[in-house]
Amino acid sequence: MQKVIIETDSLSLKKIIQQTWRVPWEIAEKVEEIREIMEKIKAKITHIFREGNSLADSLANIAIESQAEHQYSSFQELPLKERRILNTDKAQIPTLRIRTRAIIPQCDHVRPEITQV
């Protein structure tokens, strides 16, 4: 059988499956099933940043939200958002992760004026 590469944006999942981290007891049986299947099909699991996994993430969200099975046989059958993601990836346009945070200026040198009436 051909080797399968599983890409996940969950580093903790990767470490649990690779036995780097201890398996939470609540999911121990499922993790063992996953390991057995991976061994049978000679699968390898790797970590990929969220940006590199956006198409798979988007398609998974469609399936979860609709709770139905979806199958796309061609590019044209994909929803518009997913076609855009695929075109961006095909054009090798980088996706940047930008964090923003509020900057609150602190003016210690300015004191409020007290007016007396």
C-alpha atoms as a PDB file:
ATOM      1  CA  MET A   1       0.000   0.000   0.000  1.00  0.00           C
ATOM      2  CA  GLN A   2       1.154   3.535  -0.744  1.00  0.00           C
ATOM      3  CA  LYS A   3       2.391   5.672   2.118  1.00  0.00           C
ATOM      4  CA  VAL A   4      -0.080   8.289   3.369  1.00  0.00           C
ATOM      5  CA  ILE A   5       0.926  11.620   4.878  1.00  0.00           C
ATOM      6  CA  ILE A   6      -1.556  13.117   7.326  1.00  0.00           C
ATOM      7  CA  GLU A   7      -1.154  16.845   7.895  1.00  0.00           C
ATOM      8  CA  THR A   8      -2.674  18.379  11.007  1.00  0.00           C
ATOM      9  CA  ASP A   9      -2.629  21.905  12.348  1.00  0.00           C
ATOM     10  CA  SER A  10      -3.008  20.488  15.862  1.00  0.00           C
ATOM     11  CA  LEU A  11       0.473  20.033  17.281  1.00  0.00           C
ATOM     12  CA  SER A  12      -0.980  18.429  20.412  1.00  0.00           C
ATOM     13  CA  LEU A  13      -2.816  15.804  18.323  1.00  0.00           C
ATOM     14  CA  LYS A  14       0.388  15.009  16.451  1.00  0.00           C
ATOM     15  CA  LYS A  15       2.319  14.596  19.710  1.00  0.00           C
ATOM     16  CA  ILE A  16      -0.396  12.400  21.238  1.00  0.00           C
ATOM     17  CA  ILE A  17      -0.520  10.105  18.201  1.00  0.00           C
ATOM     18  CA  GLN A  18       3.273   9.900  18.046  1.00  0.00           C
ATOM     19  CA  GLN A  19       3.331   9.025  21.756  1.00  0.00           C
ATOM     20  CA  THR A  20       5.386  12.109  22.613  1.00  0.00           C
ATOM     21  CA  TRP A  21       2.619  13.218  24.978  1.00  0.00           C
ATOM     22  CA  ARG A  22       0.492  11.098  27.264  1.00  0.00           C
ATOM     23  CA  VAL A  23      -2.957  10.268  25.906  1.00  0.00           C
ATOM     24  CA  PRO A  24      -5.893  11.686  27.894  1.00  0.00           C
ATOM     25  CA  TRP A  25      -7.890   8.688  29.141  1.00  0.00           C
ATOM     26  CA  GLU A  26     -11.097  10.030  27.572  1.00  0.00           C
ATOM     27  CA  ILE A  27      -9.718   9.500  24.059  1.00  0.00           C
ATOM     28  CA  ALA A  28      -7.291   6.622  24.645  1.00  0.00           C
ATOM     29  CA  GLU A  29      -9.368   4.057  22.707  1.00  0.00           C
ATOM     30  CA  LYS A  30      -9.829   6.342  19.689  1.00  0.00           C
ATOM     31  CA  VAL A  31      -6.141   7.236  19.635  1.00  0.00           C
ATOM     32  CA  GLU A  32      -5.239   3.544  19.690  1.00  0.00           C
ATOM     33  CA  GLU A  33      -7.627   2.934  16.754  1.00  0.00           C
ATOM     34  CA  ILE A  34      -5.990   5.782  14.845  1.00  0.00           C
ATOM     35  CA  ARG A  35      -2.519   4.368  15.516  1.00  0.00           C
ATOM     36  CA  GLU A  36      -3.575   0.903  14.311  1.00  0.00           C
ATOM     37  CA  ILE A  37      -5.071   2.296  11.099  1.00  0.00           C
ATOM     38  CA  MET A  38      -2.002   4.446  10.507  1.00  0.00           C
ATOM     39  CA  GLU A  39       0.237   1.417  10.948  1.00  0.00           C
ATOM     40  CA  LYS A  40      -1.833  -0.630   8.466  1.00  0.00           C
ATOM     41  CA  ILE A  41      -1.699   2.021   5.765  1.00  0.00           C
ATOM     42  CA  LYS A  42       1.852   3.112   6.610  1.00  0.00           C
ATOM     43  CA  ALA A  43       0.714   6.641   7.397  1.00  0.00           C
ATOM     44  CA  LYS A  44       2.918   9.397   8.734  1.00  0.00           C
ATOM     45  CA  ILE A  45       1.565  12.391  10.658  1.00  0.00           C
ATOM     46  CA  THR A  46       3.122  15.836  10.312  1.00  0.00           C
ATOM     47  CA  HIS A  47       2.349  19.263  11.713  1.00  0.00           C
ATOM     48  CA  ILE A  48       1.396  22.037   9.338  1.00  0.00           C
ATOM     49  CA  PHE A  49       0.557  25.602  10.271  1.00  0.00           C
ATOM     50  CA  ARG A  50      -3.089  26.609  10.101  1.00  0.00           C
ATOM     51  CA  GLU A  51      -2.433  28.749   7.030  1.00  0.00           C
ATOM     52  CA  GLY A  52      -1.125  25.762   5.087  1.00  0.00           C
ATOM     53  CA  ASN A  53      -4.162  23.718   6.000  1.00  0.00           C
ATOM     54  CA  SER A  54      -6.865  26.277   5.219  1.00  0.00           C
ATOM     55  CA  LEU A  55      -8.586  24.343   2.410  1.00  0.00           C
ATOM     56  CA  ALA A  56      -8.888  21.160   4.467  1.00  0.00           C
ATOM     57  CA  ASP A  57     -10.047  23.197   7.463  1.00  0.00           C
ATOM     58  CA  SER A  58     -12.669  24.992   5.387  1.00  0.00           C
ATOM     59  CA  LEU A  59     -13.997  21.757   3.864  1.00  0.00           C
ATOM     60  CA  ALA A  60     -14.127  20.123   7.305  1.00  0.00           C
ATOM     61  CA  ASN A  61     -16.126  23.079   8.619  1.00  0.00           C
ATOM     62  CA  ILE A  62     -18.641  22.659   5.789  1.00  0.00           C
ATOM     63  CA  ALA A  63     -19.120  19.000   6.722  1.00  0.00           C
ATOM     64  CA  ILE A  64     -19.438  19.746  10.439  1.00  0.00           C
ATOM     65  CA  GLU A  65     -21.852  22.648  10.000  1.00  0.00           C
ATOM     66  CA  SER A  66     -24.148  20.803   7.596  1.00  0.00           C
ATOM     67  CA  GLN A  67     -23.727  17.397   9.285  1.00  0.00           C
ATOM     68  CA  ALA A  68     -23.902  15.855   5.837  1.00  0.00           C
ATOM     69  CA  GLU A  69     -21.517  14.114   3.490  1.00  0.00           C
ATOM     70  CA  HIS A  70     -20.128  16.234   0.666  1.00  0.00           C
ATOM     71  CA  GLN A  71     -18.240  15.062  -2.378  1.00  0.00           C
ATOM     72  CA  TYR A  72     -16.692  17.363  -4.962  1.00  0.00           C
ATOM     73  CA  SER A  73     -15.527  15.816  -8.224  1.00  0.00           C
ATOM     74  CA  SER A  74     -14.237  18.959  -9.875  1.00  0.00           C
ATOM     75  CA  PHE A  75     -12.965  22.435  -9.120  1.00  0.00           C
ATOM     76  CA  GLN A  76     -16.225  23.963 -10.371  1.00  0.00           C
ATOM     77  CA  GLU A  77     -18.241  21.999  -7.804  1.00  0.00           C
ATOM     78  CA  LEU A  78     -16.364  23.555  -4.894  1.00  0.00           C
ATOM     79  CA  PRO A  79     -18.021  26.453  -3.065  1.00  0.00           C
ATOM     80  CA  LEU A  80     -16.665  29.897  -4.015  1.00  0.00           C
ATOM     81  CA  LYS A  81     -14.674  30.391  -0.804  1.00  0.00           C
ATOM     82  CA  GLU A  82     -12.883  27.065  -1.241  1.00  0.00           C
ATOM     83  CA  ARG A  83     -12.115  27.807  -4.913  1.00  0.00           C
ATOM     84  CA  ARG A  84     -10.497  31.072  -3.813  1.00  0.00           C
ATOM     85  CA  ILE A  85      -8.398  29.259  -1.209  1.00  0.00           C
ATOM     86  CA  LEU A  86      -7.292  26.713  -3.819  1.00  0.00           C
ATOM     87  CA  ASN A  87      -6.448  29.404  -6.385  1.00  0.00           C
ATOM     88  CA  THR A  88      -4.437  31.345  -3.803  1.00  0.00           C
ATOM     89  CA  ASP A  89      -2.525  28.187  -2.927  1.00  0.00           C
ATOM     90  CA  LYS A  90      -1.985  27.283  -6.592  1.00  0.00           C
ATOM     91  CA  ALA A  91      -0.627  30.773  -7.296  1.00  0.00           C
ATOM     92  CA  GLN A  92       1.746  30.291  -4.336  1.00  0.00           C
ATOM     93  CA  ILE A  93       0.552  33.498  -2.716  1.00  0.00           C
ATOM     94  CA  PRO A  94       1.698  33.407   0.905  1.00  0.00           C
ATOM     95  CA  THR A  95      -0.807  33.632   3.707  1.00  0.00           C
ATOM     96  CA  LEU A  96       0.460  35.740   6.553  1.00  0.00           C
ATOM     97  CA  ARG A  97      -0.545  35.381  10.165  1.00  0.00           C
ATOM     98  CA  ILE A  98      -0.690  38.842  11.666  1.00  0.00           C
ATOM     99  CA  ARG A  99      -1.429  39.382  15.313  1.00  0.00           C
ATOM    100  CA  THR A 100      -2.813  42.682  16.394  1.00  0.00           C
ATOM    101  CA  ARG A 101      -3.136  43.996  19.877  1.00  0.00           C
ATOM    102  CA  ALA A 102      -4.411  47.166  21.390  1.00  0.00           C
ATOM    103  CA  ILE A 103      -1.745  49.621  22.453  1.00  0.00           C
ATOM    104  CA  ILE A 104      -2.834  51.764  25.342  1.00  0.00           C
ATOM    105  CA  PRO A 105      -0.664  54.836  25.725  1.00  0.00           C
ATOM    106  CA  GLN A 106       0.461  55.586  29.224  1.00  0.00           C
ATOM    107  CA  CYS A 107       1.084  59.205  30.004  1.00  0.00           C
ATOM    108  CA  ASP A 108       2.665  59.277  33.431  1.00  0.00           C
ATOM    109  CA  HIS A 109       4.077  62.732  32.859  1.00  0.00           C
ATOM    110  CA  VAL A 110       0.649  64.322  32.291  1.00  0.00           C
ATOM    111  CA  ARG A 111      -1.308  65.150  35.409  1.00  0.00           C
ATOM    112  CA  PRO A 112      -4.949  66.098  35.380  1.00  0.00           C
ATOM    113  CA  GLU A 113      -5.605  69.738  36.060  1.00  0.00           C
ATOM    114  CA  ILE A 114      -7.595  70.550  39.124  1.00  0.00           C
ATOM    115  CA  THR A 115      -9.794  73.559  38.777  1.00  0.00           C
ATOM    116  CA  GLN A 116     -11.156  75.316  41.794  1.00  0.00           C
ATOM    117  CA  VAL A 117     -14.447  77.048  41.677  1.00  0.00           C
END
